[in-house]
N, C-alpha and C. Protein backbone atom coordinates (compact mmCIF):
# COMPACT_ATOMS: atom_id res chain seq x y z
N MET A 1 -7.28 -13.21 -31.96
CA MET A 1 -6.19 -13.54 -31.06
C MET A 1 -5.71 -12.29 -30.33
N PHE A 2 -5.54 -11.18 -31.06
CA PHE A 2 -5.09 -9.93 -30.46
C PHE A 2 -6.07 -9.44 -29.40
N THR A 3 -7.36 -9.57 -29.67
CA THR A 3 -8.40 -9.16 -28.73
C THR A 3 -8.31 -9.98 -27.45
N LEU A 4 -8.06 -11.27 -27.57
CA LEU A 4 -7.93 -12.13 -26.40
C LEU A 4 -6.71 -11.72 -25.57
N MET A 5 -5.59 -11.43 -26.22
CA MET A 5 -4.39 -11.00 -25.49
C MET A 5 -4.63 -9.67 -24.80
N LEU A 6 -5.32 -8.75 -25.46
CA LEU A 6 -5.63 -7.46 -24.86
C LEU A 6 -6.54 -7.62 -23.66
N LEU A 7 -7.53 -8.49 -23.76
CA LEU A 7 -8.45 -8.75 -22.66
C LEU A 7 -7.72 -9.34 -21.46
N VAL A 8 -6.83 -10.28 -21.71
CA VAL A 8 -6.07 -10.91 -20.62
C VAL A 8 -5.15 -9.90 -19.97
N SER A 9 -4.47 -9.08 -20.75
CA SER A 9 -3.53 -8.11 -20.18
C SER A 9 -4.26 -7.02 -19.41
N THR A 10 -5.41 -6.55 -19.87
CA THR A 10 -6.13 -5.52 -19.13
C THR A 10 -6.79 -6.08 -17.89
N SER A 11 -7.22 -7.34 -17.92
CA SER A 11 -7.83 -7.91 -16.72
C SER A 11 -6.79 -8.15 -15.65
N SER A 12 -5.56 -8.46 -16.03
CA SER A 12 -4.53 -8.64 -15.01
C SER A 12 -4.11 -7.31 -14.40
N LEU A 13 -4.21 -6.22 -15.16
CA LEU A 13 -3.88 -4.91 -14.63
C LEU A 13 -5.01 -4.30 -13.83
N ALA A 14 -6.22 -4.77 -14.02
CA ALA A 14 -7.37 -4.18 -13.35
C ALA A 14 -7.28 -4.32 -11.85
N GLY A 15 -6.54 -5.31 -11.34
CA GLY A 15 -6.46 -5.52 -9.92
C GLY A 15 -5.26 -4.88 -9.24
N ASN A 16 -4.43 -4.14 -9.95
CA ASN A 16 -3.25 -3.54 -9.32
C ASN A 16 -3.63 -2.36 -8.45
N PHE A 17 -3.04 -2.31 -7.27
CA PHE A 17 -3.27 -1.18 -6.38
C PHE A 17 -2.59 0.05 -6.97
N LYS A 18 -3.07 1.24 -6.58
CA LYS A 18 -2.48 2.47 -7.10
C LYS A 18 -2.49 3.54 -6.02
N VAL A 19 -1.34 4.16 -5.82
CA VAL A 19 -1.26 5.32 -4.93
C VAL A 19 -1.71 6.52 -5.76
N GLN A 20 -2.90 7.02 -5.46
CA GLN A 20 -3.49 8.12 -6.22
C GLN A 20 -2.77 9.43 -5.94
N SER A 21 -2.51 9.70 -4.66
CA SER A 21 -1.84 10.95 -4.29
C SER A 21 -1.01 10.72 -3.05
N ALA A 22 0.05 11.49 -2.90
CA ALA A 22 0.91 11.45 -1.72
C ALA A 22 1.51 12.84 -1.55
N GLU A 23 1.13 13.51 -0.47
CA GLU A 23 1.59 14.88 -0.24
C GLU A 23 2.15 15.01 1.17
N ILE A 24 3.22 15.76 1.25
CA ILE A 24 3.85 16.03 2.54
C ILE A 24 3.55 17.48 2.90
N SER A 25 3.19 17.68 4.16
CA SER A 25 2.91 19.03 4.67
C SER A 25 3.81 19.33 5.85
N LYS A 26 4.18 20.60 5.98
CA LYS A 26 4.99 21.02 7.12
C LYS A 26 4.05 21.47 8.23
N ILE A 27 4.25 20.90 9.40
CA ILE A 27 3.45 21.29 10.58
C ILE A 27 4.45 21.57 11.69
N GLY A 28 4.54 22.82 12.10
CA GLY A 28 5.50 23.19 13.14
C GLY A 28 6.91 22.89 12.69
N ASN A 29 7.63 22.08 13.48
CA ASN A 29 9.01 21.71 13.15
C ASN A 29 9.09 20.39 12.40
N GLY A 30 7.94 19.76 12.12
CA GLY A 30 7.95 18.45 11.49
C GLY A 30 7.18 18.40 10.20
N TYR A 31 7.09 17.20 9.65
CA TYR A 31 6.39 16.95 8.41
C TYR A 31 5.42 15.79 8.60
N ILE A 32 4.29 15.86 7.91
CA ILE A 32 3.32 14.78 7.94
C ILE A 32 2.97 14.37 6.51
N LEU A 33 2.49 13.14 6.38
CA LEU A 33 2.11 12.59 5.08
C LEU A 33 0.60 12.39 5.02
N ASP A 34 0.01 12.80 3.91
CA ASP A 34 -1.37 12.48 3.56
C ASP A 34 -1.33 11.77 2.21
N ALA A 35 -2.04 10.64 2.11
CA ALA A 35 -2.02 9.89 0.86
C ALA A 35 -3.37 9.21 0.64
N THR A 36 -3.62 8.90 -0.62
CA THR A 36 -4.82 8.17 -1.01
C THR A 36 -4.40 7.01 -1.90
N ILE A 37 -4.90 5.82 -1.56
CA ILE A 37 -4.56 4.61 -2.30
C ILE A 37 -5.86 3.94 -2.73
N SER A 38 -5.91 3.50 -3.99
CA SER A 38 -7.08 2.75 -4.44
C SER A 38 -6.74 1.26 -4.42
N TYR A 39 -7.72 0.49 -4.00
CA TYR A 39 -7.54 -0.95 -3.85
C TYR A 39 -8.55 -1.74 -4.69
N PRO A 40 -8.36 -1.80 -6.01
CA PRO A 40 -9.23 -2.67 -6.80
C PRO A 40 -8.77 -4.13 -6.61
N LEU A 41 -9.58 -4.91 -5.94
CA LEU A 41 -9.20 -6.29 -5.63
C LEU A 41 -9.54 -7.22 -6.80
N THR A 42 -8.71 -8.22 -6.98
CA THR A 42 -8.99 -9.23 -7.98
C THR A 42 -10.10 -10.14 -7.45
N PRO A 43 -10.81 -10.82 -8.34
CA PRO A 43 -11.87 -11.74 -7.88
C PRO A 43 -11.36 -12.79 -6.90
N ARG A 44 -10.12 -13.25 -7.06
CA ARG A 44 -9.56 -14.27 -6.16
C ARG A 44 -9.40 -13.71 -4.75
N VAL A 45 -8.93 -12.48 -4.63
CA VAL A 45 -8.75 -11.86 -3.31
C VAL A 45 -10.11 -11.58 -2.67
N LYS A 46 -11.07 -11.11 -3.46
CA LYS A 46 -12.43 -10.88 -2.94
C LYS A 46 -13.05 -12.18 -2.43
N GLU A 47 -12.84 -13.24 -3.18
CA GLU A 47 -13.38 -14.54 -2.78
C GLU A 47 -12.77 -14.99 -1.45
N ALA A 48 -11.48 -14.80 -1.29
CA ALA A 48 -10.82 -15.19 -0.04
C ALA A 48 -11.38 -14.38 1.13
N ILE A 49 -11.54 -13.08 0.95
CA ILE A 49 -12.07 -12.24 2.02
C ILE A 49 -13.50 -12.66 2.37
N SER A 50 -14.33 -12.88 1.36
CA SER A 50 -15.73 -13.25 1.62
C SER A 50 -15.85 -14.61 2.30
N ASN A 51 -14.81 -15.45 2.19
CA ASN A 51 -14.80 -16.75 2.86
C ASN A 51 -14.12 -16.70 4.23
N GLY A 52 -13.85 -15.49 4.72
CA GLY A 52 -13.31 -15.35 6.07
C GLY A 52 -11.81 -15.41 6.19
N VAL A 53 -11.09 -15.45 5.08
CA VAL A 53 -9.62 -15.49 5.13
C VAL A 53 -9.10 -14.09 5.44
N PRO A 54 -8.30 -13.93 6.50
CA PRO A 54 -7.74 -12.60 6.78
C PRO A 54 -6.67 -12.25 5.74
N ILE A 55 -6.78 -11.04 5.19
CA ILE A 55 -5.83 -10.56 4.18
C ILE A 55 -5.05 -9.41 4.79
N THR A 56 -3.72 -9.47 4.71
CA THR A 56 -2.86 -8.43 5.28
C THR A 56 -2.38 -7.51 4.17
N PHE A 57 -2.61 -6.21 4.36
CA PHE A 57 -2.18 -5.17 3.44
C PHE A 57 -0.96 -4.47 4.03
N LEU A 58 0.01 -4.17 3.18
CA LEU A 58 1.22 -3.43 3.58
C LEU A 58 1.23 -2.09 2.87
N GLN A 59 1.48 -1.03 3.63
CA GLN A 59 1.73 0.28 3.05
C GLN A 59 3.18 0.60 3.40
N GLN A 60 4.06 0.56 2.41
CA GLN A 60 5.49 0.75 2.63
C GLN A 60 5.87 2.20 2.39
N LEU A 61 6.61 2.78 3.35
CA LEU A 61 7.06 4.16 3.27
C LEU A 61 8.58 4.18 3.30
N GLU A 62 9.20 4.99 2.45
CA GLU A 62 10.67 5.09 2.39
C GLU A 62 11.10 6.54 2.23
N LEU A 63 12.16 6.88 2.92
CA LEU A 63 12.79 8.17 2.77
C LEU A 63 14.20 7.91 2.23
N VAL A 64 14.47 8.44 1.03
CA VAL A 64 15.72 8.17 0.33
C VAL A 64 16.45 9.48 0.08
N HIS A 65 17.76 9.48 0.32
CA HIS A 65 18.57 10.65 -0.03
C HIS A 65 19.25 10.35 -1.36
N SER A 66 18.99 11.21 -2.34
CA SER A 66 19.52 11.01 -3.68
C SER A 66 20.57 12.08 -3.97
N ILE A 67 21.75 11.63 -4.36
CA ILE A 67 22.85 12.54 -4.70
C ILE A 67 23.15 12.37 -6.19
N ALA A 68 23.06 13.46 -6.93
CA ALA A 68 23.33 13.41 -8.37
C ALA A 68 24.83 13.32 -8.60
N ILE A 69 25.27 12.27 -9.28
CA ILE A 69 26.69 12.10 -9.61
C ILE A 69 26.98 12.71 -10.97
N PHE A 70 26.23 12.30 -11.99
CA PHE A 70 26.36 12.86 -13.33
C PHE A 70 25.02 13.44 -13.74
N GLY A 71 24.60 14.51 -13.09
CA GLY A 71 23.33 15.14 -13.39
C GLY A 71 22.17 14.20 -13.13
N LYS A 72 21.20 14.23 -14.01
CA LYS A 72 20.02 13.38 -13.82
C LYS A 72 20.23 11.96 -14.33
N TYR A 73 21.39 11.68 -14.93
CA TYR A 73 21.62 10.39 -15.54
C TYR A 73 22.09 9.31 -14.57
N TRP A 74 22.76 9.72 -13.51
CA TRP A 74 23.24 8.74 -12.55
C TRP A 74 23.18 9.35 -11.17
N GLN A 75 22.47 8.67 -10.27
CA GLN A 75 22.33 9.15 -8.90
C GLN A 75 22.70 8.06 -7.93
N TRP A 76 23.20 8.50 -6.79
CA TRP A 76 23.52 7.59 -5.70
C TRP A 76 22.38 7.73 -4.70
N ASP A 77 21.65 6.64 -4.46
CA ASP A 77 20.52 6.66 -3.54
C ASP A 77 20.88 5.91 -2.27
N LYS A 78 20.57 6.53 -1.14
CA LYS A 78 20.80 5.91 0.16
C LYS A 78 19.48 5.95 0.93
N THR A 79 19.00 4.79 1.34
CA THR A 79 17.75 4.73 2.10
C THR A 79 18.06 5.16 3.54
N LEU A 80 17.39 6.25 3.97
CA LEU A 80 17.60 6.76 5.32
C LEU A 80 16.62 6.16 6.33
N TRP A 81 15.41 5.88 5.86
CA TRP A 81 14.36 5.42 6.78
C TRP A 81 13.34 4.64 5.99
N THR A 82 12.85 3.57 6.57
CA THR A 82 11.80 2.78 5.95
C THR A 82 10.90 2.20 7.03
N THR A 83 9.63 2.10 6.73
CA THR A 83 8.67 1.49 7.65
C THR A 83 7.51 0.94 6.86
N SER A 84 6.74 0.08 7.49
CA SER A 84 5.54 -0.48 6.88
C SER A 84 4.37 -0.33 7.84
N LEU A 85 3.25 0.11 7.30
CA LEU A 85 2.00 0.12 8.04
C LEU A 85 1.25 -1.13 7.61
N ARG A 86 0.88 -1.97 8.57
CA ARG A 86 0.25 -3.25 8.26
C ARG A 86 -1.18 -3.27 8.77
N TYR A 87 -2.08 -3.72 7.90
CA TYR A 87 -3.50 -3.81 8.23
C TYR A 87 -4.03 -5.18 7.83
N GLU A 88 -4.92 -5.69 8.65
CA GLU A 88 -5.56 -6.96 8.35
C GLU A 88 -7.04 -6.70 8.09
N LEU A 89 -7.53 -7.24 6.97
CA LEU A 89 -8.94 -7.10 6.62
C LEU A 89 -9.56 -8.48 6.60
N ARG A 90 -10.70 -8.62 7.29
CA ARG A 90 -11.41 -9.89 7.28
C ARG A 90 -12.90 -9.66 7.34
N TYR A 91 -13.63 -10.66 6.93
CA TYR A 91 -15.09 -10.60 6.93
C TYR A 91 -15.62 -11.53 8.01
N HIS A 92 -16.54 -11.02 8.82
CA HIS A 92 -17.21 -11.83 9.84
C HIS A 92 -18.62 -12.11 9.35
N ALA A 93 -18.88 -13.36 9.01
CA ALA A 93 -20.17 -13.74 8.45
C ALA A 93 -21.30 -13.58 9.47
N LEU A 94 -21.04 -13.83 10.74
CA LEU A 94 -22.08 -13.76 11.76
C LEU A 94 -22.64 -12.34 11.90
N THR A 95 -21.76 -11.34 11.90
CA THR A 95 -22.20 -9.95 12.04
C THR A 95 -22.36 -9.26 10.70
N GLU A 96 -21.94 -9.93 9.61
CA GLU A 96 -21.96 -9.36 8.26
C GLU A 96 -21.22 -8.03 8.22
N GLN A 97 -20.07 -7.99 8.86
CA GLN A 97 -19.23 -6.78 8.93
C GLN A 97 -17.83 -7.11 8.44
N TYR A 98 -17.19 -6.10 7.86
CA TYR A 98 -15.78 -6.20 7.50
C TYR A 98 -15.00 -5.53 8.62
N VAL A 99 -13.96 -6.19 9.09
CA VAL A 99 -13.17 -5.68 10.20
C VAL A 99 -11.78 -5.34 9.68
N LEU A 100 -11.39 -4.08 9.88
CA LEU A 100 -10.07 -3.60 9.48
C LEU A 100 -9.27 -3.35 10.75
N LYS A 101 -8.17 -4.07 10.90
CA LYS A 101 -7.36 -3.99 12.12
C LYS A 101 -5.96 -3.50 11.78
N ALA A 102 -5.53 -2.44 12.47
CA ALA A 102 -4.15 -1.97 12.34
C ALA A 102 -3.28 -2.90 13.18
N LEU A 103 -2.39 -3.65 12.55
CA LEU A 103 -1.62 -4.66 13.26
C LEU A 103 -0.58 -4.06 14.20
N ASP A 104 -0.14 -2.84 13.94
CA ASP A 104 0.85 -2.21 14.81
C ASP A 104 0.24 -1.70 16.10
N THR A 105 -1.00 -1.24 16.05
CA THR A 105 -1.64 -0.64 17.23
C THR A 105 -2.76 -1.49 17.81
N GLU A 106 -3.14 -2.56 17.11
CA GLU A 106 -4.25 -3.43 17.52
C GLU A 106 -5.60 -2.69 17.51
N HIS A 107 -5.66 -1.51 16.88
CA HIS A 107 -6.91 -0.76 16.76
C HIS A 107 -7.71 -1.33 15.59
N TYR A 108 -9.01 -1.52 15.79
CA TYR A 108 -9.82 -2.04 14.69
C TYR A 108 -11.10 -1.24 14.52
N ARG A 109 -11.61 -1.30 13.28
CA ARG A 109 -12.86 -0.62 12.93
C ARG A 109 -13.72 -1.58 12.13
N ASN A 110 -15.04 -1.46 12.28
CA ASN A 110 -15.99 -2.28 11.53
C ASN A 110 -16.62 -1.47 10.41
N PHE A 111 -16.92 -2.16 9.29
CA PHE A 111 -17.52 -1.51 8.14
C PHE A 111 -18.63 -2.39 7.59
N PRO A 112 -19.71 -1.79 7.08
CA PRO A 112 -20.81 -2.59 6.55
C PRO A 112 -20.56 -3.17 5.17
N SER A 113 -19.57 -2.61 4.45
CA SER A 113 -19.30 -3.10 3.09
C SER A 113 -17.80 -3.16 2.84
N LEU A 114 -17.44 -3.97 1.87
CA LEU A 114 -16.03 -4.09 1.48
C LEU A 114 -15.51 -2.77 0.93
N ASP A 115 -16.32 -2.09 0.13
CA ASP A 115 -15.89 -0.81 -0.46
C ASP A 115 -15.58 0.23 0.61
N SER A 116 -16.41 0.31 1.64
CA SER A 116 -16.15 1.30 2.71
C SER A 116 -14.89 0.94 3.49
N ALA A 117 -14.63 -0.35 3.69
CA ALA A 117 -13.41 -0.77 4.38
C ALA A 117 -12.17 -0.44 3.54
N LEU A 118 -12.25 -0.66 2.23
CA LEU A 118 -11.12 -0.37 1.35
C LEU A 118 -10.87 1.13 1.23
N THR A 119 -11.94 1.92 1.25
CA THR A 119 -11.79 3.38 1.22
C THR A 119 -11.08 3.87 2.47
N ALA A 120 -11.48 3.35 3.63
CA ALA A 120 -10.81 3.72 4.88
C ALA A 120 -9.35 3.27 4.89
N LEU A 121 -9.10 2.08 4.39
CA LEU A 121 -7.74 1.56 4.31
C LEU A 121 -6.87 2.44 3.42
N GLY A 122 -7.44 2.96 2.35
CA GLY A 122 -6.69 3.75 1.38
C GLY A 122 -6.55 5.22 1.73
N THR A 123 -7.05 5.63 2.89
CA THR A 123 -6.94 7.03 3.31
C THR A 123 -5.90 7.14 4.42
N ILE A 124 -4.77 7.73 4.08
CA ILE A 124 -3.70 7.94 5.05
C ILE A 124 -3.70 9.41 5.43
N LYS A 125 -3.86 9.69 6.71
CA LYS A 125 -3.94 11.07 7.19
C LYS A 125 -2.91 11.33 8.29
N GLU A 126 -2.14 12.36 8.10
CA GLU A 126 -1.26 12.92 9.12
C GLU A 126 -0.33 11.90 9.77
N VAL A 127 0.37 11.13 8.95
CA VAL A 127 1.39 10.22 9.45
C VAL A 127 2.67 11.02 9.62
N SER A 128 3.21 11.04 10.83
CA SER A 128 4.43 11.81 11.11
C SER A 128 5.64 11.16 10.47
N LEU A 129 6.48 12.00 9.90
CA LEU A 129 7.73 11.54 9.31
C LEU A 129 8.85 11.74 10.31
N PRO A 130 9.92 10.95 10.23
CA PRO A 130 10.99 11.01 11.24
C PRO A 130 11.75 12.33 11.18
N PRO A 131 11.69 13.13 12.25
CA PRO A 131 12.32 14.46 12.22
C PRO A 131 13.84 14.42 12.13
N GLU A 132 14.46 13.33 12.59
CA GLU A 132 15.93 13.28 12.59
C GLU A 132 16.53 13.28 11.19
N HIS A 133 15.74 12.95 10.16
CA HIS A 133 16.25 12.92 8.79
C HIS A 133 15.78 14.11 7.95
N LEU A 134 15.02 15.02 8.54
CA LEU A 134 14.38 16.06 7.75
C LEU A 134 14.88 17.47 8.02
N ALA A 135 16.04 17.60 8.61
CA ALA A 135 16.59 18.94 8.86
C ALA A 135 16.83 19.67 7.54
N ASN A 136 17.29 18.95 6.54
CA ASN A 136 17.52 19.52 5.21
C ASN A 136 16.85 18.59 4.19
N THR A 137 15.83 19.08 3.50
CA THR A 137 15.07 18.23 2.57
C THR A 137 15.64 18.24 1.15
N ASP A 138 16.73 18.94 0.91
CA ASP A 138 17.34 18.94 -0.43
C ASP A 138 17.84 17.53 -0.75
N GLY A 139 17.42 17.02 -1.88
CA GLY A 139 17.84 15.70 -2.32
C GLY A 139 17.07 14.56 -1.67
N LEU A 140 16.09 14.87 -0.84
CA LEU A 140 15.30 13.81 -0.22
C LEU A 140 14.12 13.41 -1.09
N ILE A 141 13.91 12.13 -1.18
CA ILE A 141 12.77 11.58 -1.92
C ILE A 141 11.98 10.74 -0.94
N PHE A 142 10.69 11.06 -0.83
CA PHE A 142 9.81 10.23 -0.01
C PHE A 142 8.90 9.47 -0.95
N GLN A 143 8.85 8.13 -0.80
CA GLN A 143 8.04 7.32 -1.69
C GLN A 143 7.20 6.34 -0.90
N ILE A 144 6.08 5.96 -1.51
CA ILE A 144 5.11 5.08 -0.87
C ILE A 144 4.58 4.09 -1.90
N ARG A 145 4.28 2.88 -1.43
CA ARG A 145 3.61 1.89 -2.26
C ARG A 145 2.79 0.98 -1.35
N SER A 146 1.91 0.20 -1.95
CA SER A 146 1.07 -0.69 -1.16
C SER A 146 0.92 -2.03 -1.87
N GLY A 147 0.75 -3.06 -1.08
CA GLY A 147 0.58 -4.40 -1.62
C GLY A 147 0.02 -5.34 -0.57
N LEU A 148 -0.02 -6.60 -0.91
CA LEU A 148 -0.49 -7.63 0.01
C LEU A 148 0.71 -8.36 0.60
N ASP A 149 0.60 -8.74 1.87
CA ASP A 149 1.61 -9.58 2.50
C ASP A 149 1.20 -11.02 2.29
N LEU A 150 1.70 -11.64 1.25
CA LEU A 150 1.30 -13.00 0.91
C LEU A 150 1.83 -14.01 1.92
N TYR A 151 2.87 -13.67 2.65
CA TYR A 151 3.40 -14.58 3.66
C TYR A 151 2.54 -14.61 4.92
N ALA A 152 1.58 -13.70 5.04
CA ALA A 152 0.65 -13.70 6.17
C ALA A 152 -0.59 -14.56 5.89
N LEU A 153 -0.73 -15.04 4.66
CA LEU A 153 -1.86 -15.91 4.32
C LEU A 153 -1.74 -17.23 5.07
N PRO A 154 -2.85 -17.92 5.26
CA PRO A 154 -2.77 -19.26 5.86
C PRO A 154 -1.83 -20.15 5.04
N THR A 155 -1.09 -20.99 5.72
CA THR A 155 -0.05 -21.80 5.09
C THR A 155 -0.50 -22.56 3.84
N PRO A 156 -1.68 -23.20 3.83
CA PRO A 156 -2.07 -23.93 2.60
C PRO A 156 -2.29 -23.03 1.39
N MET A 157 -2.57 -21.75 1.61
CA MET A 157 -2.84 -20.84 0.49
C MET A 157 -1.57 -20.19 -0.07
N ARG A 158 -0.52 -20.13 0.71
CA ARG A 158 0.69 -19.39 0.31
C ARG A 158 1.30 -19.81 -1.01
N PRO A 159 1.59 -21.08 -1.24
CA PRO A 159 2.25 -21.44 -2.50
C PRO A 159 1.46 -21.00 -3.73
N GLY A 160 0.16 -21.23 -3.72
CA GLY A 160 -0.67 -20.83 -4.87
C GLY A 160 -0.69 -19.33 -5.05
N ALA A 161 -0.76 -18.58 -3.94
CA ALA A 161 -0.78 -17.11 -4.02
C ALA A 161 0.55 -16.57 -4.51
N LEU A 162 1.66 -17.16 -4.07
CA LEU A 162 2.98 -16.69 -4.49
C LEU A 162 3.23 -16.93 -5.98
N LEU A 163 2.62 -17.96 -6.53
CA LEU A 163 2.83 -18.29 -7.94
C LEU A 163 1.80 -17.67 -8.87
N SER A 164 0.67 -17.24 -8.33
CA SER A 164 -0.42 -16.75 -9.16
C SER A 164 -0.35 -15.23 -9.35
N ASN A 165 -0.60 -14.77 -10.56
CA ASN A 165 -0.64 -13.33 -10.82
C ASN A 165 -1.92 -12.70 -10.28
N LYS A 166 -2.88 -13.51 -9.85
CA LYS A 166 -4.13 -12.99 -9.29
C LYS A 166 -3.94 -12.42 -7.89
N TRP A 167 -2.79 -12.69 -7.30
CA TRP A 167 -2.47 -12.16 -5.98
C TRP A 167 -1.37 -11.11 -6.03
N GLN A 168 -0.76 -10.91 -7.18
CA GLN A 168 0.35 -9.96 -7.34
C GLN A 168 -0.23 -8.59 -7.71
N VAL A 169 -0.60 -7.79 -6.71
CA VAL A 169 -1.32 -6.53 -6.95
C VAL A 169 -0.57 -5.32 -6.40
N THR A 170 0.69 -5.44 -6.09
CA THR A 170 1.46 -4.35 -5.49
C THR A 170 1.53 -3.15 -6.43
N SER A 171 1.34 -1.97 -5.86
CA SER A 171 1.41 -0.74 -6.65
C SER A 171 2.87 -0.39 -6.91
N PRO A 172 3.13 0.40 -7.94
CA PRO A 172 4.49 0.93 -8.12
C PRO A 172 4.75 2.01 -7.07
N TRP A 173 6.01 2.33 -6.86
CA TRP A 173 6.36 3.40 -5.94
C TRP A 173 5.81 4.73 -6.45
N LYS A 174 5.30 5.53 -5.55
CA LYS A 174 4.81 6.88 -5.87
C LYS A 174 5.65 7.84 -5.04
N ILE A 175 6.21 8.84 -5.70
CA ILE A 175 7.02 9.85 -5.01
C ILE A 175 6.10 10.95 -4.52
N ALA A 176 6.21 11.26 -3.25
CA ALA A 176 5.38 12.30 -2.63
C ALA A 176 5.93 13.68 -2.95
N THR A 177 5.04 14.65 -2.97
CA THR A 177 5.46 16.04 -3.23
C THR A 177 5.77 16.73 -1.91
N TRP A 178 6.87 17.47 -1.91
CA TRP A 178 7.28 18.24 -0.72
C TRP A 178 6.66 19.64 -0.77
N PRO A 179 6.45 20.25 0.39
CA PRO A 179 5.87 21.62 0.41
C PRO A 179 6.84 22.65 -0.11
């Protein structure tokens, strides 16, 4: 019985996304973000992609100002800035290509395999951070996470995806390191 519970719990964790690294660099008067995210997809999500269902990925970025009230035990956090980078991944059976489209810019790229598309999706390079909030970085926390936008799924799939743990793959927040 214990082995069965362990197998079930590890298989449900096997599909969780993970922010591997998140680093901020100073360039001139501004800051940029470089990050790496791994996307181990669950069999249900892979099946949907292989059947031509477009899957929307969200990369959420937040800049939080944290003020220590009672040392490290109690802090007041105020979100200064938040944004989401949205990407749609789909498979085209006719061309046997995976298409990754940035929904904000309408820019798309083709890939011969799912792994290469997920690697490109998980590589964030030189994303500019808002300069109006970065004059003083003391007490600033920059965090990133990634997940699926289940509300972007086709309407008949949404209820099942919202209730199933096979679609709940959002990574925990990862705090980026400042220079």
